[in-house]
Amino acid sequence: MDSKASSEAQPQTGVEFEHTVKPEPVSEGEYITAYANAAQIVHTFYDFQFHFTEINVRSADAVKAEIFATIMMSPQHAKVFYQHLTRNLAIYEDKFGEIKIPPEIAKLLPAEDIPLST
């Protein structure tokens, strides 16, 4: 994806997204474990791209989201992933209670169907 298309696809949240250096490929049988506290989702007719990020707050005016991994899926695989994620979130909430989204986070997300913490 060229840089123009990439910048146009970024959400209008005031957060600067930046790709970091990609890690070296791992050997067969090995894998990388990483922590992401945010994700950006972009799609075309042919695929879904999940850009996993770690947001760093440097000051009230300087928030940076460093994209460290991108996973691409076909629309069919993305829908199956969605179904598995939805099912597993329901299992988690049955076991541990409702996952609350704080209002300061929710205001950065699309408005549809986001339960706020009270």
PDB file of N, CA and C in Angstrom:
ATOM      1  N   MET A   1       0.865  -1.162   0.000  1.00  0.00           N
ATOM      2  CA  MET A   1       0.000   0.000   0.000  1.00  0.00           C
ATOM      3  C   MET A   1       0.907   1.219   0.000  1.00  0.00           C
ATOM      4  N   ASP A   2       0.632   2.200  -0.861  1.00  0.00           N
ATOM      5  CA  ASP A   2       1.484   3.381  -0.885  1.00  0.00           C
ATOM      6  C   ASP A   2       1.173   4.295   0.288  1.00  0.00           C
ATOM      7  N   SER A   3       2.080   5.241   0.560  1.00  0.00           N
ATOM      8  CA  SER A   3       1.928   6.076   1.752  1.00  0.00           C
ATOM      9  C   SER A   3       0.696   6.957   1.681  1.00  0.00           C
ATOM     10  N   LYS A   4       0.300   7.395   0.484  1.00  0.00           N
ATOM     11  CA  LYS A   4      -0.902   8.223   0.367  1.00  0.00           C
ATOM     12  C   LYS A   4      -2.141   7.435   0.779  1.00  0.00           C
ATOM     13  N   ALA A   5      -2.280   6.212   0.266  1.00  0.00           N
ATOM     14  CA  ALA A   5      -3.430   5.384   0.628  1.00  0.00           C
ATOM     15  C   ALA A   5      -3.408   5.063   2.111  1.00  0.00           C
ATOM     16  N   SER A   6      -2.212   4.818   2.640  1.00  0.00           N
ATOM     17  CA  SER A   6      -2.097   4.503   4.057  1.00  0.00           C
ATOM     18  C   SER A   6      -2.544   5.670   4.928  1.00  0.00           C
ATOM     19  N   SER A   7      -2.127   6.891   4.585  1.00  0.00           N
ATOM     20  CA  SER A   7      -2.494   8.035   5.410  1.00  0.00           C
ATOM     21  C   SER A   7      -3.973   8.360   5.293  1.00  0.00           C
ATOM     22  N   GLU A   8      -4.571   8.121   4.126  1.00  0.00           N
ATOM     23  CA  GLU A   8      -5.996   8.385   3.966  1.00  0.00           C
ATOM     24  C   GLU A   8      -6.838   7.403   4.765  1.00  0.00           C
ATOM     25  N   ALA A   9      -6.333   6.195   4.995  1.00  0.00           N
ATOM     26  CA  ALA A   9      -7.100   5.172   5.693  1.00  0.00           C
ATOM     27  C   ALA A   9      -7.048   5.325   7.208  1.00  0.00           C
ATOM     28  N   GLN A  10      -6.164   6.189   7.715  1.00  0.00           N
ATOM     29  CA  GLN A  10      -6.019   6.326   9.152  1.00  0.00           C
ATOM     30  C   GLN A  10      -7.205   7.070   9.751  1.00  0.00           C
ATOM     31  N   PRO A  11      -7.640   6.638  10.936  1.00  0.00           N
ATOM     32  CA  PRO A  11      -8.776   7.300  11.581  1.00  0.00           C
ATOM     33  C   PRO A  11      -8.423   8.720  11.977  1.00  0.00           C
ATOM     34  N   GLN A  12      -9.426   9.570  12.090  1.00  0.00           N
ATOM     35  CA  GLN A  12      -9.237  10.966  12.454  1.00  0.00           C
ATOM     36  C   GLN A  12      -9.337  11.125  13.962  1.00  0.00           C
ATOM     37  N   THR A  13      -8.366  10.602  14.693  1.00  0.00           N
ATOM     38  CA  THR A  13      -8.405  10.624  16.147  1.00  0.00           C
ATOM     39  C   THR A  13      -7.349  11.523  16.752  1.00  0.00           C
ATOM     40  N   GLY A  14      -6.482  12.132  15.943  1.00  0.00           N
ATOM     41  CA  GLY A  14      -5.393  12.917  16.477  1.00  0.00           C
ATOM     42  C   GLY A  14      -4.216  12.055  16.886  1.00  0.00           C
ATOM     43  N   VAL A  15      -4.261  10.759  16.613  1.00  0.00           N
ATOM     44  CA  VAL A  15      -3.167   9.856  16.922  1.00  0.00           C
ATOM     45  C   VAL A  15      -2.342   9.663  15.663  1.00  0.00           C
ATOM     46  N   GLU A  16      -1.043   9.819  15.785  1.00  0.00           N
ATOM     47  CA  GLU A  16      -0.131   9.641  14.654  1.00  0.00           C
ATOM     48  C   GLU A  16       0.249   8.172  14.569  1.00  0.00           C
ATOM     49  N   PHE A  17      -0.022   7.522  13.410  1.00  0.00           N
ATOM     50  CA  PHE A  17       0.344   6.130  13.216  1.00  0.00           C
ATOM     51  C   PHE A  17       1.658   6.079  12.445  1.00  0.00           C
ATOM     52  N   GLU A  18       2.541   5.202  12.877  1.00  0.00           N
ATOM     53  CA  GLU A  18       3.848   5.093  12.249  1.00  0.00           C
ATOM     54  C   GLU A  18       4.246   3.631  12.218  1.00  0.00           C
ATOM     55  N   HIS A  19       4.722   3.164  11.050  1.00  0.00           N
ATOM     56  CA  HIS A  19       5.226   1.797  10.954  1.00  0.00           C
ATOM     57  C   HIS A  19       6.625   1.754  11.554  1.00  0.00           C
ATOM     58  N   THR A  20       6.893   0.744  12.343  1.00  0.00           N
ATOM     59  CA  THR A  20       8.223   0.567  12.908  1.00  0.00           C
ATOM     60  C   THR A  20       8.977  -0.443  12.056  1.00  0.00           C
ATOM     61  N   VAL A  21      10.224  -0.665  12.379  1.00  0.00           N
ATOM     62  CA  VAL A  21      11.028  -1.641  11.655  1.00  0.00           C
ATOM     63  C   VAL A  21      10.419  -3.016  11.857  1.00  0.00           C
ATOM     64  N   LYS A  22      10.257  -3.738  10.769  1.00  0.00           N
ATOM     65  CA  LYS A  22       9.659  -5.064  10.853  1.00  0.00           C
ATOM     66  C   LYS A  22      10.667  -6.045  11.474  1.00  0.00           C
ATOM     67  N   PRO A  23      10.186  -6.957  12.341  1.00  0.00           N
ATOM     68  CA  PRO A  23      11.096  -7.929  12.945  1.00  0.00           C
ATOM     69  C   PRO A  23      11.597  -8.927  11.912  1.00  0.00           C
ATOM     70  N   GLU A  24      12.706  -9.539  12.217  1.00  0.00           N
ATOM     71  CA  GLU A  24      13.254 -10.584  11.356  1.00  0.00           C
ATOM     72  C   GLU A  24      12.291 -11.766  11.322  1.00  0.00           C
ATOM     73  N   PRO A  25      12.183 -12.447  10.167  1.00  0.00           N
ATOM     74  CA  PRO A  25      11.335 -13.647  10.126  1.00  0.00           C
ATOM     75  C   PRO A  25      11.848 -14.681  11.123  1.00  0.00           C
ATOM     76  N   VAL A  26      10.933 -15.451  11.676  1.00  0.00           N
ATOM     77  CA  VAL A  26      11.325 -16.488  12.625  1.00  0.00           C
ATOM     78  C   VAL A  26      11.484 -17.804  11.902  1.00  0.00           C
ATOM     79  N   SER A  27      12.225 -18.687  12.498  1.00  0.00           N
ATOM     80  CA  SER A  27      12.424 -20.016  11.934  1.00  0.00           C
ATOM     81  C   SER A  27      11.152 -20.828  12.062  1.00  0.00           C
ATOM     82  N   GLU A  28      11.060 -21.876  11.253  1.00  0.00           N
ATOM     83  CA  GLU A  28       9.902 -22.752  11.328  1.00  0.00           C
ATOM     84  C   GLU A  28       9.793 -23.331  12.731  1.00  0.00           C
ATOM     85  N   GLY A  29       8.584 -23.341  13.281  1.00  0.00           N
ATOM     86  CA  GLY A  29       8.366 -23.858  14.614  1.00  0.00           C
ATOM     87  C   GLY A  29       8.513 -22.805  15.701  1.00  0.00           C
ATOM     88  N   GLU A  30       8.971 -21.605  15.357  1.00  0.00           N
ATOM     89  CA  GLU A  30       9.096 -20.518  16.325  1.00  0.00           C
ATOM     90  C   GLU A  30       8.009 -19.490  16.046  1.00  0.00           C
ATOM     91  N   TYR A  31       7.712 -18.657  17.035  1.00  0.00           N
ATOM     92  CA  TYR A  31       6.753 -17.585  16.835  1.00  0.00           C
ATOM     93  C   TYR A  31       7.131 -16.424  17.733  1.00  0.00           C
ATOM     94  N   ILE A  32       6.557 -15.270  17.446  1.00  0.00           N
ATOM     95  CA  ILE A  32       6.814 -14.062  18.218  1.00  0.00           C
ATOM     96  C   ILE A  32       5.582 -13.753  19.046  1.00  0.00           C
ATOM     97  N   THR A  33       5.770 -13.426  20.301  1.00  0.00           N
ATOM     98  CA  THR A  33       4.691 -12.963  21.156  1.00  0.00           C
ATOM     99  C   THR A  33       4.883 -11.468  21.351  1.00  0.00           C
ATOM    100  N   ALA A  34       3.837 -10.702  21.156  1.00  0.00           N
ATOM    101  CA  ALA A  34       3.919  -9.248  21.304  1.00  0.00           C
ATOM    102  C   ALA A  34       2.641  -8.752  21.959  1.00  0.00           C
ATOM    103  N   TYR A  35       2.721  -7.574  22.563  1.00  0.00           N
ATOM    104  CA  TYR A  35       1.563  -6.941  23.190  1.00  0.00           C
ATOM    105  C   TYR A  35       1.097  -5.788  22.317  1.00  0.00           C
ATOM    106  N   ALA A  36      -0.192  -5.723  22.051  1.00  0.00           N
ATOM    107  CA  ALA A  36      -0.788  -4.607  21.315  1.00  0.00           C
ATOM    108  C   ALA A  36      -1.904  -4.031  22.178  1.00  0.00           C
ATOM    109  N   ASN A  37      -1.908  -2.709  22.347  1.00  0.00           N
ATOM    110  CA  ASN A  37      -2.997  -2.092  23.095  1.00  0.00           C
ATOM    111  C   ASN A  37      -3.948  -1.332  22.177  1.00  0.00           C
ATOM    112  N   ALA A  38      -3.758  -1.506  20.874  1.00  0.00           N
ATOM    113  CA  ALA A  38      -4.667  -0.906  19.893  1.00  0.00           C
ATOM    114  C   ALA A  38      -4.465  -1.602  18.553  1.00  0.00           C
ATOM    115  N   ALA A  39      -5.452  -1.448  17.686  1.00  0.00           N
ATOM    116  CA  ALA A  39      -5.346  -1.997  16.340  1.00  0.00           C
ATOM    117  C   ALA A  39      -6.082  -1.072  15.379  1.00  0.00           C
ATOM    118  N   GLN A  40      -5.567  -0.998  14.197  1.00  0.00           N
ATOM    119  CA  GLN A  40      -6.199  -0.235  13.122  1.00  0.00           C
ATOM    120  C   GLN A  40      -6.609  -1.260  12.064  1.00  0.00           C
ATOM    121  N   ILE A  41      -7.822  -1.136  11.562  1.00  0.00           N
ATOM    122  CA  ILE A  41      -8.307  -2.084  10.560  1.00  0.00           C
ATOM    123  C   ILE A  41      -8.596  -1.327   9.273  1.00  0.00           C
ATOM    124  N   VAL A  42      -8.020  -1.823   8.187  1.00  0.00           N
ATOM    125  CA  VAL A  42      -8.205  -1.240   6.863  1.00  0.00           C
ATOM    126  C   VAL A  42      -8.637  -2.382   5.947  1.00  0.00           C
ATOM    127  N   HIS A  43      -9.510  -2.087   4.992  1.00  0.00           N
ATOM    128  CA  HIS A  43      -9.906  -3.155   4.070  1.00  0.00           C
ATOM    129  C   HIS A  43     -10.021  -2.634   2.654  1.00  0.00           C
ATOM    130  N   THR A  44      -9.829  -3.567   1.745  1.00  0.00           N
ATOM    131  CA  THR A  44     -10.084  -3.349   0.325  1.00  0.00           C
ATOM    132  C   THR A  44     -11.095  -4.416  -0.086  1.00  0.00           C
ATOM    133  N   PHE A  45     -11.437  -4.449  -1.336  1.00  0.00           N
ATOM    134  CA  PHE A  45     -12.334  -5.491  -1.833  1.00  0.00           C
ATOM    135  C   PHE A  45     -11.728  -6.872  -1.607  1.00  0.00           C
ATOM    136  N   TYR A  46     -10.397  -6.972  -1.671  1.00  0.00           N
ATOM    137  CA  TYR A  46      -9.704  -8.256  -1.666  1.00  0.00           C
ATOM    138  C   TYR A  46      -9.218  -8.728  -0.309  1.00  0.00           C
ATOM    139  N   ASP A  47      -8.995  -7.807   0.630  1.00  0.00           N
ATOM    140  CA  ASP A  47      -8.440  -8.239   1.906  1.00  0.00           C
ATOM    141  C   ASP A  47      -8.744  -7.275   3.046  1.00  0.00           C
ATOM    142  N   PHE A  48      -8.554  -7.778   4.254  1.00  0.00           N
ATOM    143  CA  PHE A  48      -8.598  -6.984   5.475  1.00  0.00           C
ATOM    144  C   PHE A  48      -7.174  -6.927   6.005  1.00  0.00           C
ATOM    145  N   GLN A  49      -6.775  -5.757   6.485  1.00  0.00           N
ATOM    146  CA  GLN A  49      -5.454  -5.587   7.070  1.00  0.00           C
ATOM    147  C   GLN A  49      -5.635  -5.136   8.512  1.00  0.00           C
ATOM    148  N   PHE A  50      -5.050  -5.881   9.429  1.00  0.00           N
ATOM    149  CA  PHE A  50      -5.105  -5.565  10.853  1.00  0.00           C
ATOM    150  C   PHE A  50      -3.723  -5.060  11.249  1.00  0.00           C
ATOM    151  N   HIS A  51      -3.616  -3.773  11.528  1.00  0.00           N
ATOM    152  CA  HIS A  51      -2.347  -3.169  11.926  1.00  0.00           C
ATOM    153  C   HIS A  51      -2.334  -3.112  13.456  1.00  0.00           C
ATOM    154  N   PHE A  52      -1.502  -3.920  14.070  1.00  0.00           N
ATOM    155  CA  PHE A  52      -1.417  -3.965  15.526  1.00  0.00           C
ATOM    156  C   PHE A  52      -0.417  -2.923  16.003  1.00  0.00           C
ATOM    157  N   THR A  53      -0.814  -2.200  17.038  1.00  0.00           N
ATOM    158  CA  THR A  53      -0.026  -1.065  17.493  1.00  0.00           C
ATOM    159  C   THR A  53       0.154  -1.084  19.000  1.00  0.00           C
ATOM    160  N   GLU A  54       1.158  -0.335  19.419  1.00  0.00           N
ATOM    161  CA  GLU A  54       1.317  -0.022  20.830  1.00  0.00           C
ATOM    162  C   GLU A  54       1.291   1.495  20.931  1.00  0.00           C
ATOM    163  N   ILE A  55       0.308   2.007  21.662  1.00  0.00           N
ATOM    164  CA  ILE A  55       0.160   3.457  21.796  1.00  0.00           C
ATOM    165  C   ILE A  55       1.042   3.945  22.940  1.00  0.00           C
ATOM    166  N   ASN A  56       1.834   4.961  22.640  1.00  0.00           N
ATOM    167  CA  ASN A  56       2.694   5.591  23.639  1.00  0.00           C
ATOM    168  C   ASN A  56       2.230   7.022  23.827  1.00  0.00           C
ATOM    169  N   VAL A  57       1.920   7.387  25.064  1.00  0.00           N
ATOM    170  CA  VAL A  57       1.508   8.750  25.369  1.00  0.00           C
ATOM    171  C   VAL A  57       2.730   9.485  25.893  1.00  0.00           C
ATOM    172  N   ARG A  58       3.196  10.444  25.096  1.00  0.00           N
ATOM    173  CA  ARG A  58       4.379  11.207  25.487  1.00  0.00           C
ATOM    174  C   ARG A  58       4.000  12.460  26.254  1.00  0.00           C
ATOM    175  N   SER A  59       2.862  13.020  25.917  1.00  0.00           N
ATOM    176  CA  SER A  59       2.295  14.165  26.638  1.00  0.00           C
ATOM    177  C   SER A  59       0.838  14.247  26.216  1.00  0.00           C
ATOM    178  N   ALA A  60       0.105  15.223  26.756  1.00  0.00           N
ATOM    179  CA  ALA A  60      -1.309  15.370  26.401  1.00  0.00           C
ATOM    180  C   ALA A  60      -1.479  15.634  24.913  1.00  0.00           C
ATOM    181  N   ASP A  61      -0.489  16.261  24.282  1.00  0.00           N
ATOM    182  CA  ASP A  61      -0.570  16.591  22.862  1.00  0.00           C
ATOM    183  C   ASP A  61       0.221  15.643  21.972  1.00  0.00           C
ATOM    184  N   ALA A  62       0.983  14.736  22.540  1.00  0.00           N
ATOM    185  CA  ALA A  62       1.833  13.855  21.745  1.00  0.00           C
ATOM    186  C   ALA A  62       1.520  12.400  22.042  1.00  0.00           C
ATOM    187  N   VAL A  63       0.645  11.842  21.229  1.00  0.00           N
ATOM    188  CA  VAL A  63       0.293  10.432  21.336  1.00  0.00           C
ATOM    189  C   VAL A  63       0.756   9.772  20.049  1.00  0.00           C
ATOM    190  N   LYS A  64       1.511   8.709  20.177  1.00  0.00           N
ATOM    191  CA  LYS A  64       2.059   8.038  19.004  1.00  0.00           C
ATOM    192  C   LYS A  64       1.676   6.569  19.038  1.00  0.00           C
ATOM    193  N   ALA A  65       1.172   6.056  17.936  1.00  0.00           N
ATOM    194  CA  ALA A  65       0.829   4.642  17.811  1.00  0.00           C
ATOM    195  C   ALA A  65       1.819   4.008  16.853  1.00  0.00           C
ATOM    196  N   GLU A  66       2.663   3.144  17.376  1.00  0.00           N
ATOM    197  CA  GLU A  66       3.681   2.495  16.570  1.00  0.00           C
ATOM    198  C   GLU A  66       3.160   1.153  16.068  1.00  0.00           C
ATOM    199  N   ILE A  67       2.970   1.050  14.754  1.00  0.00           N
ATOM    200  CA  ILE A  67       2.481  -0.197  14.145  1.00  0.00           C
ATOM    201  C   ILE A  67       3.666  -1.151  14.041  1.00  0.00           C
ATOM    202  N   PHE A  68       3.571  -2.287  14.730  1.00  0.00           N
ATOM    203  CA  PHE A  68       4.688  -3.228  14.715  1.00  0.00           C
ATOM    204  C   PHE A  68       4.376  -4.518  13.973  1.00  0.00           C
ATOM    205  N   ALA A  69       3.112  -4.735  13.627  1.00  0.00           N
ATOM    206  CA  ALA A  69       2.753  -5.945  12.892  1.00  0.00           C
ATOM    207  C   ALA A  69       1.485  -5.704  12.093  1.00  0.00           C
ATOM    208  N   THR A  70       1.436  -6.287  10.918  1.00  0.00           N
ATOM    209  CA  THR A  70       0.248  -6.243  10.078  1.00  0.00           C
ATOM    210  C   THR A  70      -0.102  -7.672   9.693  1.00  0.00           C
ATOM    211  N   ILE A  71      -1.357  -8.032   9.912  1.00  0.00           N
ATOM    212  CA  ILE A  71      -1.870  -9.344   9.510  1.00  0.00           C
ATOM    213  C   ILE A  71      -2.906  -9.083   8.420  1.00  0.00           C
ATOM    214  N   MET A  72      -2.763  -9.777   7.310  1.00  0.00           N
ATOM    215  CA  MET A  72      -3.706  -9.618   6.202  1.00  0.00           C
ATOM    216  C   MET A  72      -4.517 -10.905   6.066  1.00  0.00           C
ATOM    217  N   MET A  73      -5.831 -10.741   5.829  1.00  0.00           N
ATOM    218  CA  MET A  73      -6.736 -11.876   5.663  1.00  0.00           C
ATOM    219  C   MET A  73      -7.696 -11.609   4.516  1.00  0.00           C
ATOM    220  N   SER A  74      -8.169 -12.689   3.922  1.00  0.00           N
ATOM    221  CA  SER A  74      -9.246 -12.567   2.946  1.00  0.00           C
ATOM    222  C   SER A  74     -10.507 -12.147   3.699  1.00  0.00           C
ATOM    223  N   PRO A  75     -11.491 -11.572   3.008  1.00  0.00           N
ATOM    224  CA  PRO A  75     -12.746 -11.230   3.689  1.00  0.00           C
ATOM    225  C   PRO A  75     -13.394 -12.444   4.360  1.00  0.00           C
ATOM    226  N   GLN A  76     -13.286 -13.614   3.730  1.00  0.00           N
ATOM    227  CA  GLN A  76     -13.879 -14.818   4.310  1.00  0.00           C
ATOM    228  C   GLN A  76     -13.174 -15.197   5.618  1.00  0.00           C
ATOM    229  N   HIS A  77     -11.846 -15.141   5.623  1.00  0.00           N
ATOM    230  CA  HIS A  77     -11.110 -15.461   6.846  1.00  0.00           C
ATOM    231  C   HIS A  77     -11.367 -14.410   7.926  1.00  0.00           C
ATOM    232  N   ALA A  78     -11.486 -13.148   7.531  1.00  0.00           N
ATOM    233  CA  ALA A  78     -11.775 -12.092   8.507  1.00  0.00           C
ATOM    234  C   ALA A  78     -13.130 -12.324   9.163  1.00  0.00           C
ATOM    235  N   LYS A  79     -14.115 -12.782   8.395  1.00  0.00           N
ATOM    236  CA  LYS A  79     -15.437 -13.030   8.971  1.00  0.00           C
ATOM    237  C   LYS A  79     -15.407 -14.214   9.934  1.00  0.00           C
ATOM    238  N   VAL A  80     -14.676 -15.264   9.589  1.00  0.00           N
ATOM    239  CA  VAL A  80     -14.541 -16.406  10.494  1.00  0.00           C
ATOM    240  C   VAL A  80     -13.801 -15.967  11.765  1.00  0.00           C
ATOM    241  N   PHE A  81     -12.757 -15.149  11.620  1.00  0.00           N
ATOM    242  CA  PHE A  81     -12.032 -14.607  12.772  1.00  0.00           C
ATOM    243  C   PHE A  81     -12.976 -13.806  13.662  1.00  0.00           C
ATOM    244  N   TYR A  82     -13.811 -12.951  13.049  1.00  0.00           N
ATOM    245  CA  TYR A  82     -14.809 -12.172  13.781  1.00  0.00           C
ATOM    246  C   TYR A  82     -15.752 -13.083  14.572  1.00  0.00           C
ATOM    247  N   GLN A  83     -16.227 -14.159  13.934  1.00  0.00           N
ATOM    248  CA  GLN A  83     -17.136 -15.075  14.612  1.00  0.00           C
ATOM    249  C   GLN A  83     -16.458 -15.748  15.808  1.00  0.00           C
ATOM    250  N   HIS A  84     -15.207 -16.162  15.634  1.00  0.00           N
ATOM    251  CA  HIS A  84     -14.472 -16.774  16.746  1.00  0.00           C
ATOM    252  C   HIS A  84     -14.200 -15.764  17.856  1.00  0.00           C
ATOM    253  N   LEU A  85     -13.838 -14.541  17.490  1.00  0.00           N
ATOM    254  CA  LEU A  85     -13.574 -13.508  18.494  1.00  0.00           C
ATOM    255  C   LEU A  85     -14.845 -13.174  19.270  1.00  0.00           C
ATOM    256  N   THR A  86     -15.963 -13.021  18.567  1.00  0.00           N
ATOM    257  CA  THR A  86     -17.242 -12.734  19.216  1.00  0.00           C
ATOM    258  C   THR A  86     -17.611 -13.845  20.197  1.00  0.00           C
ATOM    259  N   ARG A  87     -17.455 -15.075  19.775  1.00  0.00           N
ATOM    260  CA  ARG A  87     -17.768 -16.227  20.643  1.00  0.00           C
ATOM    261  C   ARG A  87     -16.862 -16.226  21.870  1.00  0.00           C
ATOM    262  N   ASN A  88     -15.575 -15.993  21.675  1.00  0.00           N
ATOM    263  CA  ASN A  88     -14.635 -16.020  22.798  1.00  0.00           C
ATOM    264  C   ASN A  88     -14.810 -14.833  23.739  1.00  0.00           C
ATOM    265  N   LEU A  89     -15.211 -13.681  23.233  1.00  0.00           N
ATOM    266  CA  LEU A  89     -15.528 -12.554  24.112  1.00  0.00           C
ATOM    267  C   LEU A  89     -16.732 -12.885  24.991  1.00  0.00           C
ATOM    268  N   ALA A  90     -17.737 -13.533  24.406  1.00  0.00           N
ATOM    269  CA  ALA A  90     -18.918 -13.935  25.184  1.00  0.00           C
ATOM    270  C   ALA A  90     -18.537 -14.939  26.271  1.00  0.00           C
ATOM    271  N   ILE A  91     -17.686 -15.892  25.948  1.00  0.00           N
ATOM    272  CA  ILE A  91     -17.225 -16.876  26.940  1.00  0.00           C
ATOM    273  C   ILE A  91     -16.451 -16.164  28.053  1.00  0.00           C
ATOM    274  N   TYR A  92     -15.579 -15.241  27.681  1.00  0.00           N
ATOM    275  CA  TYR A  92     -14.806 -14.475  28.662  1.00  0.00           C
ATOM    276  C   TYR A  92     -15.725 -13.704  29.606  1.00  0.00           C
ATOM    277  N   GLU A  93     -16.717 -12.986  29.023  1.00  0.00           N
ATOM    278  CA  GLU A  93     -17.628 -12.196  29.845  1.00  0.00           C
ATOM    279  C   GLU A  93     -18.512 -13.067  30.729  1.00  0.00           C
ATOM    280  N   ASP A  94     -18.901 -14.244  30.257  1.00  0.00           N
ATOM    281  CA  ASP A  94     -19.651 -15.171  31.108  1.00  0.00           C
ATOM    282  C   ASP A  94     -18.821 -15.599  32.314  1.00  0.00           C
ATOM    283  N   LYS A  95     -17.532 -15.761  32.096  1.00  0.00           N
ATOM    284  CA  LYS A  95     -16.650 -16.239  33.157  1.00  0.00           C
ATOM    285  C   LYS A  95     -16.184 -15.119  34.087  1.00  0.00           C
ATOM    286  N   PHE A  96     -15.833 -13.942  33.520  1.00  0.00           N
ATOM    287  CA  PHE A  96     -15.196 -12.887  34.300  1.00  0.00           C
ATOM    288  C   PHE A  96     -16.030 -11.617  34.455  1.00  0.00           C
ATOM    289  N   GLY A  97     -17.155 -11.510  33.771  1.00  0.00           N
ATOM    290  CA  GLY A  97     -17.983 -10.306  33.835  1.00  0.00           C
ATOM    291  C   GLY A  97     -17.804  -9.437  32.598  1.00  0.00           C
ATOM    292  N   GLU A  98     -18.695  -8.478  32.474  1.00  0.00           N
ATOM    293  CA  GLU A  98     -18.712  -7.602  31.303  1.00  0.00           C
ATOM    294  C   GLU A  98     -17.410  -6.814  31.168  1.00  0.00           C
ATOM    295  N   ILE A  99     -16.929  -6.721  29.946  1.00  0.00           N
ATOM    296  CA  ILE A  99     -15.756  -5.894  29.649  1.00  0.00           C
ATOM    297  C   ILE A  99     -16.268  -4.476  29.430  1.00  0.00           C
ATOM    298  N   LYS A 100     -15.820  -3.571  30.249  1.00  0.00           N
ATOM    299  CA  LYS A 100     -16.260  -2.168  30.185  1.00  0.00           C
ATOM    300  C   LYS A 100     -15.297  -1.367  29.311  1.00  0.00           C
ATOM    301  N   ILE A 101     -15.850  -0.497  28.475  1.00  0.00           N
ATOM    302  CA  ILE A 101     -15.062   0.415  27.653  1.00  0.00           C
ATOM    303  C   ILE A 101     -15.166   1.792  28.290  1.00  0.00           C
ATOM    304  N   PRO A 102     -14.048   2.338  28.809  1.00  0.00           N
ATOM    305  CA  PRO A 102     -14.105   3.664  29.426  1.00  0.00           C
ATOM    306  C   PRO A 102     -14.533   4.726  28.416  1.00  0.00           C
ATOM    307  N   PRO A 103     -15.304   5.734  28.851  1.00  0.00           N
ATOM    308  CA  PRO A 103     -15.795   6.770  27.931  1.00  0.00           C
ATOM    309  C   PRO A 103     -14.687   7.475  27.154  1.00  0.00           C
ATOM    310  N   GLU A 104     -13.525   7.694  27.780  1.00  0.00           N
ATOM    311  CA  GLU A 104     -12.436   8.382  27.068  1.00  0.00           C
ATOM    312  C   GLU A 104     -11.863   7.543  25.926  1.00  0.00           C
ATOM    313  N   ILE A 105     -12.011   6.239  25.998  1.00  0.00           N
ATOM    314  CA  ILE A 105     -11.600   5.359  24.899  1.00  0.00           C
ATOM    315  C   ILE A 105     -12.725   5.273  23.877  1.00  0.00           C
ATOM    316  N   ALA A 106     -13.948   5.107  24.344  1.00  0.00           N
ATOM    317  CA  ALA A 106     -15.101   4.939  23.458  1.00  0.00           C
ATOM    318  C   ALA A 106     -15.287   6.126  22.529  1.00  0.00           C
ATOM    319  N   LYS A 107     -14.952   7.333  22.993  1.00  0.00           N
ATOM    320  CA  LYS A 107     -15.150   8.510  22.130  1.00  0.00           C
ATOM    321  C   LYS A 107     -14.223   8.492  20.915  1.00  0.00           C
ATOM    322  N   LEU A 108     -13.175   7.672  20.933  1.00  0.00           N
ATOM    323  CA  LEU A 108     -12.265   7.549  19.796  1.00  0.00           C
ATOM    324  C   LEU A 108     -12.734   6.512  18.779  1.00  0.00           C
ATOM    325  N   LEU A 109     -13.757   5.741  19.146  1.00  0.00           N
ATOM    326  CA  LEU A 109     -14.227   4.632  18.312  1.00  0.00           C
ATOM    327  C   LEU A 109     -15.492   5.001  17.569  1.00  0.00           C
ATOM    328  N   PRO A 110     -15.859   4.244  16.526  1.00  0.00           N
ATOM    329  CA  PRO A 110     -17.144   4.476  15.866  1.00  0.00           C
ATOM    330  C   PRO A 110     -18.280   4.374  16.884  1.00  0.00           C
ATOM    331  N   ALA A 111     -19.293   5.172  16.726  1.00  0.00           N
ATOM    332  CA  ALA A 111     -20.349   5.304  17.734  1.00  0.00           C
ATOM    333  C   ALA A 111     -21.272   4.096  17.842  1.00  0.00           C
ATOM    334  N   GLU A 112     -21.391   3.280  16.813  1.00  0.00           N
ATOM    335  CA  GLU A 112     -22.388   2.224  16.840  1.00  0.00           C
ATOM    336  C   GLU A 112     -22.038   1.109  17.826  1.00  0.00           C
ATOM    337  N   ASP A 113     -23.000   0.799  18.682  1.00  0.00           N
ATOM    338  CA  ASP A 113     -22.950  -0.369  19.555  1.00  0.00           C
ATOM    339  C   ASP A 113     -21.752  -0.440  20.500  1.00  0.00           C
ATOM    340  N   ILE A 114     -21.344   0.674  21.059  1.00  0.00           N
ATOM    341  CA  ILE A 114     -20.234   0.644  22.019  1.00  0.00           C
ATOM    342  C   ILE A 114     -20.805   0.891  23.407  1.00  0.00           C
ATOM    343  N   PRO A 115     -20.805  -0.150  24.255  1.00  0.00           N
ATOM    344  CA  PRO A 115     -21.290   0.057  25.625  1.00  0.00           C
ATOM    345  C   PRO A 115     -20.238   0.833  26.421  1.00  0.00           C
ATOM    346  N   LEU A 116     -20.678   1.871  27.128  1.00  0.00           N
ATOM    347  CA  LEU A 116     -19.776   2.685  27.927  1.00  0.00           C
ATOM    348  C   LEU A 116     -19.746   2.192  29.360  1.00  0.00           C
ATOM    349  N   SER A 117     -18.631   2.421  30.030  1.00  0.00           N
ATOM    350  CA  SER A 117     -18.560   2.133  31.459  1.00  0.00           C
ATOM    351  C   SER A 117     -19.400   3.144  32.200  1.00  0.00           C
ATOM    352  N   THR A 118     -20.006   2.708  33.291  1.00  0.00           N
ATOM    353  CA  THR A 118     -20.802   3.641  34.106  1.00  0.00           C
ATOM    354  C   THR A 118     -20.225   3.745  35.493  1.00  0.00           C
TER     355      THR A 118
END
